[in-house]
Amino acid sequence: MIEAHRNTGSLVIRTVLPAEAEAVAELHVRARSTYYPDGLPEDGFDWAARWREAIGRPDGQVLCAVRDGRLVGIASFRTPQDTPRTVKLFQFHVDPGHWRTGVGAALHTACVEQWQADGRRSAVLDVHVDNARAQAFYARQGWVPDPENPPAEGDHHLFLRYAVRPGE
């Protein structure tokens, strides 16, 4: 597990601290709001509580990107018990004010390095069908449609897979 991962200029990638759950939830909502055409639907979730749970999970990890002391990106992943060589990327968000500044690429690289260190061989995620920007980002990083999980009719998510290569 990464405690302090990398420092690139004013950008630091590190493990999220439990006290940062509220800030993580706020960034999550800001980022998700951008790809819903009618605004973020009310889902009834207490996102701060959900992030506190994710941060505290012993079988997962939440990384953040911090620039000039401000949280600008988050990534949450864990390995399901039934697929120990595959990691699932549950959340990956960059603050909209920091898109196209290298935050997402640096955060993705940190995730891949952690997956390599953990001996994972593949990663999976699902991305909202209306989030073309994220789909393009993932394609640039090497994610492809998951042949084992094609989208069902009416599903609002696409399923992607990433090959984690040792020592990439």
Protein backbone atom coordinates (compact mmCIF):
# COMPACT_ATOMS: atom_id res chain seq x y z
CA MET A 1 0.00 0.00 0.00
CA ILE A 2 1.31 3.44 -0.94
CA GLU A 3 1.78 5.91 1.90
CA ALA A 4 3.55 8.60 -0.13
CA HIS A 5 3.86 7.71 -3.76
CA ARG A 6 5.29 10.36 -5.99
CA ASN A 7 5.99 14.04 -6.13
CA THR A 8 6.04 15.68 -9.56
CA GLY A 9 6.62 19.40 -9.26
CA SER A 10 3.70 20.81 -7.33
CA LEU A 11 1.65 17.58 -7.77
CA VAL A 12 1.81 14.91 -5.07
CA ILE A 13 0.09 11.52 -5.35
CA ARG A 14 -0.54 9.87 -1.99
CA THR A 15 -2.97 7.82 0.07
CA VAL A 16 -6.05 9.76 1.13
CA LEU A 17 -6.27 10.52 4.84
CA PRO A 18 -9.48 9.62 6.74
CA ALA A 19 -9.97 13.30 7.65
CA GLU A 20 -10.19 14.13 3.92
CA ALA A 21 -13.40 12.14 3.27
CA GLU A 22 -15.58 15.26 3.04
CA ALA A 23 -13.22 16.95 0.56
CA VAL A 24 -13.06 13.72 -1.48
CA ALA A 25 -16.87 13.54 -1.57
CA GLU A 26 -17.10 17.17 -2.72
CA LEU A 27 -14.61 16.57 -5.55
CA HIS A 28 -16.48 13.38 -6.51
CA VAL A 29 -19.79 15.25 -6.81
CA ARG A 30 -18.22 18.14 -8.80
CA ALA A 31 -16.65 15.72 -11.28
CA ARG A 32 -19.69 13.46 -11.67
CA SER A 33 -21.98 16.44 -12.21
CA THR A 34 -20.25 17.21 -15.50
CA TYR A 35 -21.43 14.16 -17.43
CA TYR A 36 -25.13 14.10 -16.58
CA PRO A 37 -27.00 16.17 -19.19
CA ASP A 38 -29.72 17.19 -16.70
CA GLY A 39 -27.42 17.57 -13.70
CA LEU A 40 -26.41 15.01 -11.11
CA PRO A 41 -29.46 12.96 -10.13
CA GLU A 42 -30.33 12.81 -6.43
CA ASP A 43 -29.18 9.35 -5.39
CA GLY A 44 -29.77 9.62 -1.65
CA PHE A 45 -26.23 8.53 -0.83
CA ASP A 46 -24.19 10.06 1.94
CA TRP A 47 -21.05 10.28 -0.20
CA ALA A 48 -18.82 11.44 2.66
CA ALA A 49 -19.80 8.32 4.62
CA ARG A 50 -19.22 6.12 1.59
CA TRP A 51 -15.78 7.66 1.08
CA ARG A 52 -14.92 7.19 4.76
CA GLU A 53 -15.80 3.52 4.31
CA ALA A 54 -13.67 3.21 1.16
CA ILE A 55 -10.73 4.97 2.82
CA GLY A 56 -10.93 2.60 5.79
CA ARG A 57 -11.24 -0.65 3.83
CA PRO A 58 -8.30 -2.98 4.49
CA ASP A 59 -8.77 -4.62 1.08
CA GLY A 60 -8.73 -1.43 -0.95
CA GLN A 61 -6.94 1.81 -1.47
CA VAL A 62 -7.87 5.41 -2.16
CA LEU A 63 -5.21 7.62 -3.73
CA CYS A 64 -5.39 11.34 -4.21
CA ALA A 65 -3.60 13.93 -6.27
CA VAL A 66 -2.77 17.12 -4.38
CA ARG A 67 -1.56 20.26 -6.13
CA ASP A 68 -0.39 23.23 -4.10
CA GLY A 69 -2.09 21.81 -1.00
CA ARG A 70 -5.47 21.28 -2.72
CA LEU A 71 -7.10 17.93 -3.49
CA VAL A 72 -7.45 17.76 -7.31
CA GLY A 73 -7.90 14.06 -8.10
CA ILE A 74 -9.03 10.79 -6.49
CA ALA A 75 -8.89 7.10 -7.37
CA SER A 76 -10.43 4.22 -5.43
CA PHE A 77 -9.72 0.56 -6.17
CA ARG A 78 -9.76 -2.87 -4.59
CA THR A 79 -9.38 -6.50 -5.54
CA PRO A 80 -12.57 -8.57 -5.40
CA GLN A 81 -12.14 -11.83 -3.48
CA ASP A 82 -13.20 -13.97 -6.44
CA THR A 83 -10.62 -12.47 -8.83
CA PRO A 84 -7.33 -12.02 -6.95
CA ARG A 85 -5.30 -11.12 -10.07
CA THR A 86 -7.77 -8.44 -11.19
CA VAL A 87 -8.31 -5.09 -9.51
CA LYS A 88 -11.47 -3.01 -9.89
CA LEU A 89 -11.17 0.74 -10.27
CA PHE A 90 -14.36 1.96 -8.58
CA GLN A 91 -13.88 5.72 -8.73
CA PHE A 92 -11.50 7.93 -10.70
CA HIS A 93 -12.15 11.66 -10.73
CA VAL A 94 -10.20 14.82 -11.46
CA ASP A 95 -11.53 18.19 -10.36
CA PRO A 96 -12.95 19.79 -13.53
CA GLY A 97 -10.77 22.86 -13.02
CA HIS A 98 -7.71 20.62 -13.42
CA TRP A 99 -8.68 18.63 -16.52
CA ARG A 100 -6.00 18.37 -19.21
CA THR A 101 -3.24 19.43 -16.79
CA GLY A 102 -1.65 15.98 -16.30
CA VAL A 103 -3.39 15.20 -13.00
CA GLY A 104 -5.38 12.27 -14.43
CA ALA A 105 -2.38 10.76 -16.21
CA ALA A 106 -0.20 11.03 -13.09
CA LEU A 107 -2.93 9.54 -10.89
CA HIS A 108 -3.49 6.71 -13.38
CA THR A 109 0.24 5.98 -13.47
CA ALA A 110 0.29 5.79 -9.67
CA CYS A 111 -2.62 3.33 -9.74
CA VAL A 112 -0.86 1.13 -12.32
CA GLU A 113 2.37 1.16 -10.29
CA GLN A 114 0.44 0.05 -7.20
CA TRP A 115 -1.32 -2.70 -9.17
CA GLN A 116 2.04 -3.91 -10.44
CA ALA A 117 3.47 -3.92 -6.91
CA ASP A 118 0.42 -5.91 -5.76
CA GLY A 119 0.89 -8.49 -8.53
CA ARG A 120 -2.32 -7.68 -10.39
CA ARG A 121 -2.48 -8.63 -14.05
CA SER A 122 -5.63 -6.81 -15.12
CA ALA A 123 -7.92 -4.02 -14.05
CA VAL A 124 -11.59 -3.42 -14.79
CA LEU A 125 -13.90 -0.45 -14.50
CA ASP A 126 -17.24 0.79 -15.69
CA VAL A 127 -17.77 4.24 -17.15
CA HIS A 128 -21.04 6.08 -17.74
CA VAL A 129 -22.12 5.97 -21.40
CA ASP A 130 -22.60 9.77 -21.44
CA ASN A 131 -19.08 10.43 -20.18
CA ALA A 132 -17.26 10.68 -23.53
CA ARG A 133 -14.42 12.69 -21.98
CA ALA A 134 -13.62 9.89 -19.49
CA GLN A 135 -13.95 7.23 -22.18
CA ALA A 136 -11.39 9.08 -24.32
CA PHE A 137 -9.07 9.44 -21.31
CA TYR A 138 -9.24 5.72 -20.54
CA ALA A 139 -8.63 4.84 -24.20
CA ARG A 140 -5.48 7.03 -24.18
CA GLN A 141 -4.29 5.14 -21.08
CA GLY A 142 -4.75 1.75 -22.82
CA TRP A 143 -8.17 0.63 -21.54
CA VAL A 144 -10.27 -1.39 -24.02
CA PRO A 145 -13.85 -2.71 -23.99
CA ASP A 146 -14.05 -5.74 -21.68
CA PRO A 147 -14.77 -8.77 -23.89
CA GLU A 148 -15.99 -10.72 -20.83
CA ASN A 149 -18.55 -8.08 -19.92
CA PRO A 150 -20.30 -6.56 -22.96
CA PRO A 151 -22.91 -3.90 -22.19
CA ALA A 152 -26.47 -5.12 -21.83
CA GLU A 153 -29.28 -3.35 -23.64
CA GLY A 154 -30.35 -0.29 -21.70
CA ASP A 155 -27.27 -0.35 -19.45
CA HIS A 156 -25.86 3.10 -18.70
CA HIS A 157 -22.28 1.89 -18.33
CA LEU A 158 -19.53 0.58 -20.55
CA PHE A 159 -17.15 -1.98 -19.10
CA LEU A 160 -13.44 -1.57 -19.79
CA ARG A 161 -10.36 -3.69 -19.09
CA TYR A 162 -6.70 -2.80 -18.72
CA ALA A 163 -3.76 -5.21 -19.03
CA VAL A 164 -1.36 -4.60 -16.13
CA ARG A 165 2.10 -5.60 -17.28
CA PRO A 166 4.86 -6.33 -14.77
CA GLY A 167 7.40 -3.52 -14.58
CA GLU A 168 5.51 -1.40 -17.09
